[in-house]
Amino acid sequence: RWNEYMADILIWDADRAQPRLQEV
């Protein structure tokens, strides 16, 4: 529900995944 609530203001990838960043 939160993701649907935010969908109108966020740019999502097709699968809505948040890419995990690699720690360097």
mmCIF file of all heavy atoms, coordinates in Angstrom:
data_MODEL
# 
_entry.id   MODEL 
# 
loop_
_atom_site.group_PDB 
_atom_site.id 
_atom_site.type_symbol 
_atom_site.label_atom_id 
_atom_site.label_alt_id 
_atom_site.label_comp_id 
_atom_site.label_asym_id 
_atom_site.label_entity_id 
_atom_site.label_seq_id 
_atom_site.pdbx_PDB_ins_code 
_atom_site.Cartn_x 
_atom_site.Cartn_y 
_atom_site.Cartn_z 
_atom_site.occupancy 
_atom_site.B_iso_or_equiv 
_atom_site.pdbx_formal_charge 
_atom_site.auth_seq_id 
_atom_site.auth_comp_id 
_atom_site.auth_asym_id 
_atom_site.auth_atom_id 
_atom_site.pdbx_PDB_model_num 
ATOM 1   N N   . ARG A 1 1  ? 0.833  -1.218 0.000   1.00 0.00 ? 1  ARG A N   1 
ATOM 2   C CA  . ARG A 1 1  ? 0.000  0.000  0.000   1.00 0.00 ? 1  ARG A CA  1 
ATOM 3   C C   . ARG A 1 1  ? 0.861  1.259  0.000   1.00 0.00 ? 1  ARG A C   1 
ATOM 4   O O   . ARG A 1 1  ? 0.538  2.236  -0.681  1.00 0.00 ? 1  ARG A O   1 
ATOM 5   C CB  . ARG A 1 1  ? -0.937 0.007  1.211   1.00 0.00 ? 1  ARG A CB  1 
ATOM 6   C CG  . ARG A 1 1  ? -2.105 -0.938 1.061   1.00 0.00 ? 1  ARG A CG  1 
ATOM 7   C CD  . ARG A 1 1  ? -3.179 -0.731 2.124   1.00 0.00 ? 1  ARG A CD  1 
ATOM 8   N NE  . ARG A 1 1  ? -2.681 -1.003 3.477   1.00 0.00 ? 1  ARG A NE  1 
ATOM 9   C CZ  . ARG A 1 1  ? -2.623 -0.099 4.471   1.00 0.00 ? 1  ARG A CZ  1 
ATOM 10  N NH1 . ARG A 1 1  ? -3.047 1.119  4.296   1.00 0.00 ? 1  ARG A NH1 1 
ATOM 11  N NH2 . ARG A 1 1  ? -2.166 -0.450 5.656   1.00 0.00 ? 1  ARG A NH2 1 
ATOM 12  N N   . TRP A 1 2  ? 1.961  1.255  0.768   1.00 0.00 ? 2  TRP A N   1 
ATOM 13  C CA  . TRP A 1 2  ? 2.865  2.418  0.800   1.00 0.00 ? 2  TRP A CA  1 
ATOM 14  C C   . TRP A 1 2  ? 3.452  2.657  -0.586  1.00 0.00 ? 2  TRP A C   1 
ATOM 15  O O   . TRP A 1 2  ? 3.523  3.802  -1.054  1.00 0.00 ? 2  TRP A O   1 
ATOM 16  C CB  . TRP A 1 2  ? 3.972  2.211  1.839   1.00 0.00 ? 2  TRP A CB  1 
ATOM 17  C CG  . TRP A 1 2  ? 4.915  3.377  1.921   1.00 0.00 ? 2  TRP A CG  1 
ATOM 18  C CD1 . TRP A 1 2  ? 6.129  3.497  1.311   1.00 0.00 ? 2  TRP A CD1 1 
ATOM 19  C CD2 . TRP A 1 2  ? 4.705  4.599  2.627   1.00 0.00 ? 2  TRP A CD2 1 
ATOM 20  N NE1 . TRP A 1 2  ? 6.689  4.720  1.610   1.00 0.00 ? 2  TRP A NE1 1 
ATOM 21  C CE2 . TRP A 1 2  ? 5.831  5.405  2.424   1.00 0.00 ? 2  TRP A CE2 1 
ATOM 22  C CE3 . TRP A 1 2  ? 3.667  5.077  3.426   1.00 0.00 ? 2  TRP A CE3 1 
ATOM 23  C CZ2 . TRP A 1 2  ? 5.965  6.680  2.980   1.00 0.00 ? 2  TRP A CZ2 1 
ATOM 24  C CZ3 . TRP A 1 2  ? 3.803  6.342  3.991   1.00 0.00 ? 2  TRP A CZ3 1 
ATOM 25  C CH2 . TRP A 1 2  ? 4.933  7.126  3.759   1.00 0.00 ? 2  TRP A CH2 1 
ATOM 26  N N   . ASN A 1 3  ? 3.880  1.593  -1.244  1.00 0.00 ? 3  ASN A N   1 
ATOM 27  C CA  . ASN A 1 3  ? 4.457  1.732  -2.581  1.00 0.00 ? 3  ASN A CA  1 
ATOM 28  C C   . ASN A 1 3  ? 3.435  2.306  -3.564  1.00 0.00 ? 3  ASN A C   1 
ATOM 29  O O   . ASN A 1 3  ? 3.789  3.137  -4.409  1.00 0.00 ? 3  ASN A O   1 
ATOM 30  C CB  . ASN A 1 3  ? 4.995  0.393  -3.071  1.00 0.00 ? 3  ASN A CB  1 
ATOM 31  C CG  . ASN A 1 3  ? 6.254  -0.012 -2.337  1.00 0.00 ? 3  ASN A CG  1 
ATOM 32  O OD1 . ASN A 1 3  ? 6.943  0.818  -1.743  1.00 0.00 ? 3  ASN A OD1 1 
ATOM 33  N ND2 . ASN A 1 3  ? 6.569  -1.289 -2.357  1.00 0.00 ? 3  ASN A ND2 1 
ATOM 34  N N   . GLU A 1 4  ? 2.194  1.880  -3.456  1.00 0.00 ? 4  GLU A N   1 
ATOM 35  C CA  . GLU A 1 4  ? 1.140  2.448  -4.307  1.00 0.00 ? 4  GLU A CA  1 
ATOM 36  C C   . GLU A 1 4  ? 0.920  3.924  -3.986  1.00 0.00 ? 4  GLU A C   1 
ATOM 37  O O   . GLU A 1 4  ? 0.729  4.738  -4.893  1.00 0.00 ? 4  GLU A O   1 
ATOM 38  C CB  . GLU A 1 4  ? -0.163 1.664  -4.138  1.00 0.00 ? 4  GLU A CB  1 
ATOM 39  C CG  . GLU A 1 4  ? -0.150 0.308  -4.796  1.00 0.00 ? 4  GLU A CG  1 
ATOM 40  C CD  . GLU A 1 4  ? 0.100  0.377  -6.303  1.00 0.00 ? 4  GLU A CD  1 
ATOM 41  O OE1 . GLU A 1 4  ? -0.492 1.254  -6.980  1.00 0.00 ? 4  GLU A OE1 1 
ATOM 42  O OE2 . GLU A 1 4  ? 0.905  -0.434 -6.789  1.00 0.00 ? 4  GLU A OE2 1 
ATOM 43  N N   . TYR A 1 5  ? 0.946  4.259  -2.711  1.00 0.00 ? 5  TYR A N   1 
ATOM 44  C CA  . TYR A 1 5  ? 0.790  5.644  -2.247  1.00 0.00 ? 5  TYR A CA  1 
ATOM 45  C C   . TYR A 1 5  ? 1.899  6.540  -2.800  1.00 0.00 ? 5  TYR A C   1 
ATOM 46  O O   . TYR A 1 5  ? 1.663  7.696  -3.141  1.00 0.00 ? 5  TYR A O   1 
ATOM 47  C CB  . TYR A 1 5  ? 0.792  5.638  -0.719  1.00 0.00 ? 5  TYR A CB  1 
ATOM 48  C CG  . TYR A 1 5  ? 0.745  6.962  -0.022  1.00 0.00 ? 5  TYR A CG  1 
ATOM 49  C CD1 . TYR A 1 5  ? -0.279 7.878  -0.246  1.00 0.00 ? 5  TYR A CD1 1 
ATOM 50  C CD2 . TYR A 1 5  ? 1.717  7.294  0.926   1.00 0.00 ? 5  TYR A CD2 1 
ATOM 51  C CE1 . TYR A 1 5  ? -0.328 9.096  0.442   1.00 0.00 ? 5  TYR A CE1 1 
ATOM 52  C CE2 . TYR A 1 5  ? 1.677  8.494  1.611   1.00 0.00 ? 5  TYR A CE2 1 
ATOM 53  C CZ  . TYR A 1 5  ? 0.654  9.389  1.362   1.00 0.00 ? 5  TYR A CZ  1 
ATOM 54  O OH  . TYR A 1 5  ? 0.606  10.571 2.046   1.00 0.00 ? 5  TYR A OH  1 
ATOM 55  N N   . MET A 1 6  ? 3.088  6.008  -2.929  1.00 0.00 ? 6  MET A N   1 
ATOM 56  C CA  . MET A 1 6  ? 4.243  6.782  -3.388  1.00 0.00 ? 6  MET A CA  1 
ATOM 57  C C   . MET A 1 6  ? 4.440  6.738  -4.903  1.00 0.00 ? 6  MET A C   1 
ATOM 58  O O   . MET A 1 6  ? 5.221  7.511  -5.454  1.00 0.00 ? 6  MET A O   1 
ATOM 59  C CB  . MET A 1 6  ? 5.518  6.261  -2.698  1.00 0.00 ? 6  MET A CB  1 
ATOM 60  C CG  . MET A 1 6  ? 5.492  6.360  -1.181  1.00 0.00 ? 6  MET A CG  1 
ATOM 61  S SD  . MET A 1 6  ? 5.293  8.052  -0.581  1.00 0.00 ? 6  MET A SD  1 
ATOM 62  C CE  . MET A 1 6  ? 6.919  8.692  -0.926  1.00 0.00 ? 6  MET A CE  1 
ATOM 63  N N   . ALA A 1 7  ? 3.714  5.880  -5.592  1.00 0.00 ? 7  ALA A N   1 
ATOM 64  C CA  . ALA A 1 7  ? 3.951  5.639  -7.022  1.00 0.00 ? 7  ALA A CA  1 
ATOM 65  C C   . ALA A 1 7  ? 3.790  6.882  -7.885  1.00 0.00 ? 7  ALA A C   1 
ATOM 66  O O   . ALA A 1 7  ? 4.464  7.014  -8.909  1.00 0.00 ? 7  ALA A O   1 
ATOM 67  C CB  . ALA A 1 7  ? 3.027  4.533  -7.525  1.00 0.00 ? 7  ALA A CB  1 
ATOM 68  N N   . ASP A 1 8  ? 2.930  7.824  -7.490  1.00 0.00 ? 8  ASP A N   1 
ATOM 69  C CA  . ASP A 1 8  ? 2.711  9.003  -8.320  1.00 0.00 ? 8  ASP A CA  1 
ATOM 70  C C   . ASP A 1 8  ? 3.837  10.025 -8.227  1.00 0.00 ? 8  ASP A C   1 
ATOM 71  O O   . ASP A 1 8  ? 3.883  10.954 -9.039  1.00 0.00 ? 8  ASP A O   1 
ATOM 72  C CB  . ASP A 1 8  ? 1.367  9.659  -7.979  1.00 0.00 ? 8  ASP A CB  1 
ATOM 73  C CG  . ASP A 1 8  ? 1.310  10.208 -6.563  1.00 0.00 ? 8  ASP A CG  1 
ATOM 74  O OD1 . ASP A 1 8  ? 1.853  9.563  -5.644  1.00 0.00 ? 8  ASP A OD1 1 
ATOM 75  O OD2 . ASP A 1 8  ? 0.707  11.281 -6.369  1.00 0.00 ? 8  ASP A OD2 1 
ATOM 76  N N   . ILE A 1 9  ? 4.755  9.868  -7.281  1.00 0.00 ? 9  ILE A N   1 
ATOM 77  C CA  . ILE A 1 9  ? 5.835  10.850 -7.143  1.00 0.00 ? 9  ILE A CA  1 
ATOM 78  C C   . ILE A 1 9  ? 7.224  10.237 -7.294  1.00 0.00 ? 9  ILE A C   1 
ATOM 79  O O   . ILE A 1 9  ? 8.213  10.966 -7.309  1.00 0.00 ? 9  ILE A O   1 
ATOM 80  C CB  . ILE A 1 9  ? 5.738  11.628 -5.811  1.00 0.00 ? 9  ILE A CB  1 
ATOM 81  C CG1 . ILE A 1 9  ? 5.863  10.716 -4.602  1.00 0.00 ? 9  ILE A CG1 1 
ATOM 82  C CG2 . ILE A 1 9  ? 4.451  12.444 -5.768  1.00 0.00 ? 9  ILE A CG2 1 
ATOM 83  C CD1 . ILE A 1 9  ? 5.954  11.456 -3.274  1.00 0.00 ? 9  ILE A CD1 1 
ATOM 84  N N   . LEU A 1 10 ? 7.310  8.917  -7.417  1.00 0.00 ? 10 LEU A N   1 
ATOM 85  C CA  . LEU A 1 10 ? 8.600  8.253  -7.566  1.00 0.00 ? 10 LEU A CA  1 
ATOM 86  C C   . LEU A 1 10 ? 8.747  7.675  -8.960  1.00 0.00 ? 10 LEU A C   1 
ATOM 87  O O   . LEU A 1 10 ? 7.767  7.301  -9.597  1.00 0.00 ? 10 LEU A O   1 
ATOM 88  C CB  . LEU A 1 10 ? 8.754  7.127  -6.546  1.00 0.00 ? 10 LEU A CB  1 
ATOM 89  C CG  . LEU A 1 10 ? 8.990  7.553  -5.111  1.00 0.00 ? 10 LEU A CG  1 
ATOM 90  C CD1 . LEU A 1 10 ? 9.036  6.331  -4.207  1.00 0.00 ? 10 LEU A CD1 1 
ATOM 91  C CD2 . LEU A 1 10 ? 10.266 8.355  -4.971  1.00 0.00 ? 10 LEU A CD2 1 
ATOM 92  N N   . ILE A 1 11 ? 9.979  7.576  -9.400  1.00 0.00 ? 11 ILE A N   1 
ATOM 93  C CA  . ILE A 1 11 ? 10.299 6.914  -10.659 1.00 0.00 ? 11 ILE A CA  1 
ATOM 94  C C   . ILE A 1 11 ? 10.840 5.541  -10.287 1.00 0.00 ? 11 ILE A C   1 
ATOM 95  O O   . ILE A 1 11 ? 11.896 5.415  -9.661  1.00 0.00 ? 11 ILE A O   1 
ATOM 96  C CB  . ILE A 1 11 ? 11.327 7.723  -11.469 1.00 0.00 ? 11 ILE A CB  1 
ATOM 97  C CG1 . ILE A 1 11 ? 10.744 9.095  -11.791 1.00 0.00 ? 11 ILE A CG1 1 
ATOM 98  C CG2 . ILE A 1 11 ? 11.739 6.955  -12.717 1.00 0.00 ? 11 ILE A CG2 1 
ATOM 99  C CD1 . ILE A 1 11 ? 11.733 10.075 -12.365 1.00 0.00 ? 11 ILE A CD1 1 
ATOM 100 N N   . TRP A 1 12 ? 10.055 4.519  -10.621 1.00 0.00 ? 12 TRP A N   1 
ATOM 101 C CA  . TRP A 1 12 ? 10.402 3.142  -10.283 1.00 0.00 ? 12 TRP A CA  1 
ATOM 102 C C   . TRP A 1 12 ? 10.949 2.426  -11.506 1.00 0.00 ? 12 TRP A C   1 
ATOM 103 O O   . TRP A 1 12 ? 10.540 2.683  -12.624 1.00 0.00 ? 12 TRP A O   1 
ATOM 104 C CB  . TRP A 1 12 ? 9.163  2.375  -9.839  1.00 0.00 ? 12 TRP A CB  1 
ATOM 105 C CG  . TRP A 1 12 ? 8.503  2.848  -8.603  1.00 0.00 ? 12 TRP A CG  1 
ATOM 106 C CD1 . TRP A 1 12 ? 7.397  3.632  -8.519  1.00 0.00 ? 12 TRP A CD1 1 
ATOM 107 C CD2 . TRP A 1 12 ? 8.872  2.569  -7.261  1.00 0.00 ? 12 TRP A CD2 1 
ATOM 108 N NE1 . TRP A 1 12 ? 7.062  3.852  -7.211  1.00 0.00 ? 12 TRP A NE1 1 
ATOM 109 C CE2 . TRP A 1 12 ? 7.954  3.205  -6.423  1.00 0.00 ? 12 TRP A CE2 1 
ATOM 110 C CE3 . TRP A 1 12 ? 9.906  1.814  -6.689  1.00 0.00 ? 12 TRP A CE3 1 
ATOM 111 C CZ2 . TRP A 1 12 ? 8.028  3.115  -5.029  1.00 0.00 ? 12 TRP A CZ2 1 
ATOM 112 C CZ3 . TRP A 1 12 ? 9.974  1.739  -5.313  1.00 0.00 ? 12 TRP A CZ3 1 
ATOM 113 C CH2 . TRP A 1 12 ? 9.042  2.387  -4.509  1.00 0.00 ? 12 TRP A CH2 1 
ATOM 114 N N   . ASP A 1 13 ? 11.826 1.468  -11.258 1.00 0.00 ? 13 ASP A N   1 
ATOM 115 C CA  . ASP A 1 13 ? 12.193 0.536  -12.308 1.00 0.00 ? 13 ASP A CA  1 
ATOM 116 C C   . ASP A 1 13 ? 10.975 -0.346 -12.569 1.00 0.00 ? 13 ASP A C   1 
ATOM 117 O O   . ASP A 1 13 ? 10.047 -0.382 -11.768 1.00 0.00 ? 13 ASP A O   1 
ATOM 118 C CB  . ASP A 1 13 ? 13.383 -0.327 -11.878 1.00 0.00 ? 13 ASP A CB  1 
ATOM 119 C CG  . ASP A 1 13 ? 14.670 0.488  -11.785 1.00 0.00 ? 13 ASP A CG  1 
ATOM 120 O OD1 . ASP A 1 13 ? 14.775 1.517  -12.469 1.00 0.00 ? 13 ASP A OD1 1 
ATOM 121 O OD2 . ASP A 1 13 ? 15.556 0.084  -11.016 1.00 0.00 ? 13 ASP A OD2 1 
ATOM 122 N N   . ALA A 1 14 ? 11.000 -1.077 -13.640 1.00 0.00 ? 14 ALA A N   1 
ATOM 123 C CA  . ALA A 1 14 ? 9.852  -1.899 -14.016 1.00 0.00 ? 14 ALA A CA  1 
ATOM 124 C C   . ALA A 1 14 ? 9.434  -2.858 -12.909 1.00 0.00 ? 14 ALA A C   1 
ATOM 125 O O   . ALA A 1 14 ? 8.257  -3.083 -12.688 1.00 0.00 ? 14 ALA A O   1 
ATOM 126 C CB  . ALA A 1 14 ? 10.171 -2.681 -15.282 1.00 0.00 ? 14 ALA A CB  1 
ATOM 127 N N   . ASP A 1 15 ? 10.402 -3.395 -12.164 1.00 0.00 ? 15 ASP A N   1 
ATOM 128 C CA  . ASP A 1 15 ? 10.068 -4.361 -11.115 1.00 0.00 ? 15 ASP A CA  1 
ATOM 129 C C   . ASP A 1 15 ? 9.968  -3.718 -9.736  1.00 0.00 ? 15 ASP A C   1 
ATOM 130 O O   . ASP A 1 15 ? 9.801  -4.409 -8.736  1.00 0.00 ? 15 ASP A O   1 
ATOM 131 C CB  . ASP A 1 15 ? 11.078 -5.505 -11.095 1.00 0.00 ? 15 ASP A CB  1 
ATOM 132 C CG  . ASP A 1 15 ? 12.484 -5.037 -10.748 1.00 0.00 ? 15 ASP A CG  1 
ATOM 133 O OD1 . ASP A 1 15 ? 12.700 -3.824 -10.543 1.00 0.00 ? 15 ASP A OD1 1 
ATOM 134 O OD2 . ASP A 1 15 ? 13.372 -5.893 -10.672 1.00 0.00 ? 15 ASP A OD2 1 
ATOM 135 N N   . ARG A 1 16 ? 10.074 -2.387 -9.668  1.00 0.00 ? 16 ARG A N   1 
ATOM 136 C CA  . ARG A 1 16 ? 9.997  -1.643 -8.412  1.00 0.00 ? 16 ARG A CA  1 
ATOM 137 C C   . ARG A 1 16 ? 11.074 -2.027 -7.410  1.00 0.00 ? 16 ARG A C   1 
ATOM 138 O O   . ARG A 1 16 ? 10.948 -1.778 -6.226  1.00 0.00 ? 16 ARG A O   1 
ATOM 139 C CB  . ARG A 1 16 ? 8.636  -1.790 -7.750  1.00 0.00 ? 16 ARG A CB  1 
ATOM 140 C CG  . ARG A 1 16 ? 7.552  -1.085 -8.478  1.00 0.00 ? 16 ARG A CG  1 
ATOM 141 C CD  . ARG A 1 16 ? 6.315  -1.093 -7.645  1.00 0.00 ? 16 ARG A CD  1 
ATOM 142 N NE  . ARG A 1 16 ? 5.415  -0.091 -8.179  1.00 0.00 ? 16 ARG A NE  1 
ATOM 143 C CZ  . ARG A 1 16 ? 4.341  0.302  -7.585  1.00 0.00 ? 16 ARG A CZ  1 
ATOM 144 N NH1 . ARG A 1 16 ? 4.008  -0.174 -6.424  1.00 0.00 ? 16 ARG A NH1 1 
ATOM 145 N NH2 . ARG A 1 16 ? 3.571  1.213  -8.127  1.00 0.00 ? 16 ARG A NH2 1 
ATOM 146 N N   . ALA A 1 17 ? 12.119 -2.655 -7.850  1.00 0.00 ? 17 ALA A N   1 
ATOM 147 C CA  . ALA A 1 17 ? 13.192 -3.042 -6.935  1.00 0.00 ? 17 ALA A CA  1 
ATOM 148 C C   . ALA A 1 17 ? 14.079 -1.836 -6.635  1.00 0.00 ? 17 ALA A C   1 
ATOM 149 O O   . ALA A 1 17 ? 14.326 -1.015 -7.503  1.00 0.00 ? 17 ALA A O   1 
ATOM 150 C CB  . ALA A 1 17 ? 14.032 -4.152 -7.556  1.00 0.00 ? 17 ALA A CB  1 
ATOM 151 N N   . GLN A 1 18 ? 14.503 -1.760 -5.409  1.00 0.00 ? 18 GLN A N   1 
ATOM 152 C CA  . GLN A 1 18 ? 15.492 -0.755 -5.036  1.00 0.00 ? 18 GLN A CA  1 
ATOM 153 C C   . GLN A 1 18 ? 16.847 -1.433 -5.157  1.00 0.00 ? 18 GLN A C   1 
ATOM 154 O O   . GLN A 1 18 ? 17.148 -2.345 -4.387  1.00 0.00 ? 18 GLN A O   1 
ATOM 155 C CB  . GLN A 1 18 ? 15.282 -0.276 -3.606  1.00 0.00 ? 18 GLN A CB  1 
ATOM 156 C CG  . GLN A 1 18 ? 14.005 0.482  -3.402  1.00 0.00 ? 18 GLN A CG  1 
ATOM 157 C CD  . GLN A 1 18 ? 13.799 0.838  -1.939  1.00 0.00 ? 18 GLN A CD  1 
ATOM 158 O OE1 . GLN A 1 18 ? 14.277 0.178  -1.048  1.00 0.00 ? 18 GLN A OE1 1 
ATOM 159 N NE2 . GLN A 1 18 ? 13.065 1.893  -1.709  1.00 0.00 ? 18 GLN A NE2 1 
ATOM 160 N N   . PRO A 1 19 ? 17.648 -1.027 -6.134  1.00 0.00 ? 19 PRO A N   1 
ATOM 161 C CA  . PRO A 1 19 ? 18.932 -1.709 -6.303  1.00 0.00 ? 19 PRO A CA  1 
ATOM 162 C C   . PRO A 1 19 ? 19.818 -1.512 -5.078  1.00 0.00 ? 19 PRO A C   1 
ATOM 163 O O   . PRO A 1 19 ? 19.962 -0.405 -4.578  1.00 0.00 ? 19 PRO A O   1 
ATOM 164 C CB  . PRO A 1 19 ? 19.526 -1.047 -7.541  1.00 0.00 ? 19 PRO A CB  1 
ATOM 165 C CG  . PRO A 1 19 ? 18.830 0.257  -7.660  1.00 0.00 ? 19 PRO A CG  1 
ATOM 166 C CD  . PRO A 1 19 ? 17.472 0.078  -7.048  1.00 0.00 ? 19 PRO A CD  1 
ATOM 167 N N   . ARG A 1 20 ? 20.346 -2.599 -4.594  1.00 0.00 ? 20 ARG A N   1 
ATOM 168 C CA  . ARG A 1 20 ? 21.233 -2.546 -3.436  1.00 0.00 ? 20 ARG A CA  1 
ATOM 169 C C   . ARG A 1 20 ? 22.601 -2.063 -3.886  1.00 0.00 ? 20 ARG A C   1 
ATOM 170 O O   . ARG A 1 20 ? 23.175 -2.593 -4.834  1.00 0.00 ? 20 ARG A O   1 
ATOM 171 C CB  . ARG A 1 20 ? 21.342 -3.936 -2.809  1.00 0.00 ? 20 ARG A CB  1 
ATOM 172 C CG  . ARG A 1 20 ? 22.170 -3.941 -1.559  1.00 0.00 ? 20 ARG A CG  1 
ATOM 173 C CD  . ARG A 1 20 ? 22.161 -5.308 -0.929  1.00 0.00 ? 20 ARG A CD  1 
ATOM 174 N NE  . ARG A 1 20 ? 22.899 -5.283 0.302   1.00 0.00 ? 20 ARG A NE  1 
ATOM 175 C CZ  . ARG A 1 20 ? 23.044 -6.331 1.080   1.00 0.00 ? 20 ARG A CZ  1 
ATOM 176 N NH1 . ARG A 1 20 ? 22.488 -7.477 0.750   1.00 0.00 ? 20 ARG A NH1 1 
ATOM 177 N NH2 . ARG A 1 20 ? 23.730 -6.250 2.193   1.00 0.00 ? 20 ARG A NH2 1 
ATOM 178 N N   . LEU A 1 21 ? 23.115 -1.072 -3.196  1.00 0.00 ? 21 LEU A N   1 
ATOM 179 C CA  . LEU A 1 21 ? 24.414 -0.525 -3.529  1.00 0.00 ? 21 LEU A CA  1 
ATOM 180 C C   . LEU A 1 21 ? 25.519 -1.342 -2.871  1.00 0.00 ? 21 LEU A C   1 
ATOM 181 O O   . LEU A 1 21 ? 25.352 -1.865 -1.770  1.00 0.00 ? 21 LEU A O   1 
ATOM 182 C CB  . LEU A 1 21 ? 24.510 0.929  -3.079  1.00 0.00 ? 21 LEU A CB  1 
ATOM 183 C CG  . LEU A 1 21 ? 23.459 1.874  -3.692  1.00 0.00 ? 21 LEU A CG  1 
ATOM 184 C CD1 . LEU A 1 21 ? 23.648 3.282  -3.149  1.00 0.00 ? 21 LEU A CD1 1 
ATOM 185 C CD2 . LEU A 1 21 ? 23.529 1.868  -5.189  1.00 0.00 ? 21 LEU A CD2 1 
ATOM 186 N N   . GLN A 1 22 ? 26.643 -1.422 -3.548  1.00 0.00 ? 22 GLN A N   1 
ATOM 187 C CA  . GLN A 1 22 ? 27.785 -2.157 -3.048  1.00 0.00 ? 22 GLN A CA  1 
ATOM 188 C C   . GLN A 1 22 ? 28.622 -1.273 -2.134  1.00 0.00 ? 22 GLN A C   1 
ATOM 189 O O   . GLN A 1 22 ? 28.957 -0.147 -2.506  1.00 0.00 ? 22 GLN A O   1 
ATOM 190 C CB  . GLN A 1 22 ? 28.648 -2.650 -4.216  1.00 0.00 ? 22 GLN A CB  1 
ATOM 191 C CG  . GLN A 1 22 ? 29.872 -3.403 -3.814  1.00 0.00 ? 22 GLN A CG  1 
ATOM 192 C CD  . GLN A 1 22 ? 30.719 -3.787 -5.011  1.00 0.00 ? 22 GLN A CD  1 
ATOM 193 O OE1 . GLN A 1 22 ? 30.508 -3.308 -6.125  1.00 0.00 ? 22 GLN A OE1 1 
ATOM 194 N NE2 . GLN A 1 22 ? 31.696 -4.621 -4.793  1.00 0.00 ? 22 GLN A NE2 1 
ATOM 195 N N   . GLU A 1 23 ? 28.922 -1.758 -0.957  1.00 0.00 ? 23 GLU A N   1 
ATOM 196 C CA  . GLU A 1 23 ? 29.771 -0.999 -0.030  1.00 0.00 ? 23 GLU A CA  1 
ATOM 197 C C   . GLU A 1 23 ? 31.209 -1.040 -0.521  1.00 0.00 ? 23 GLU A C   1 
ATOM 198 O O   . GLU A 1 23 ? 31.727 -2.113 -0.829  1.00 0.00 ? 23 GLU A O   1 
ATOM 199 C CB  . GLU A 1 23 ? 29.685 -1.617 1.368   1.00 0.00 ? 23 GLU A CB  1 
ATOM 200 C CG  . GLU A 1 23 ? 30.431 -0.819 2.407   1.00 0.00 ? 23 GLU A CG  1 
ATOM 201 C CD  . GLU A 1 23 ? 30.257 -1.395 3.800   1.00 0.00 ? 23 GLU A CD  1 
ATOM 202 O OE1 . GLU A 1 23 ? 29.108 -1.488 4.267   1.00 0.00 ? 23 GLU A OE1 1 
ATOM 203 O OE2 . GLU A 1 23 ? 31.284 -1.742 4.423   1.00 0.00 ? 23 GLU A OE2 1 
ATOM 204 N N   . VAL A 1 24 ? 31.843 0.136  -0.609  1.00 0.00 ? 24 VAL A N   1 
ATOM 205 C CA  . VAL A 1 24 ? 33.231 0.204  -1.065  1.00 0.00 ? 24 VAL A CA  1 
ATOM 206 C C   . VAL A 1 24 ? 34.166 0.827  -0.030  1.00 0.00 ? 24 VAL A C   1 
ATOM 207 O O   . VAL A 1 24 ? 35.379 0.751  -0.168  1.00 0.00 ? 24 VAL A O   1 
ATOM 208 C CB  . VAL A 1 24 ? 33.365 0.946  -2.412  1.00 0.00 ? 24 VAL A CB  1 
ATOM 209 C CG1 . VAL A 1 24 ? 32.646 0.180  -3.515  1.00 0.00 ? 24 VAL A CG1 1 
ATOM 210 C CG2 . VAL A 1 24 ? 32.840 2.369  -2.310  1.00 0.00 ? 24 VAL A CG2 1 
# 
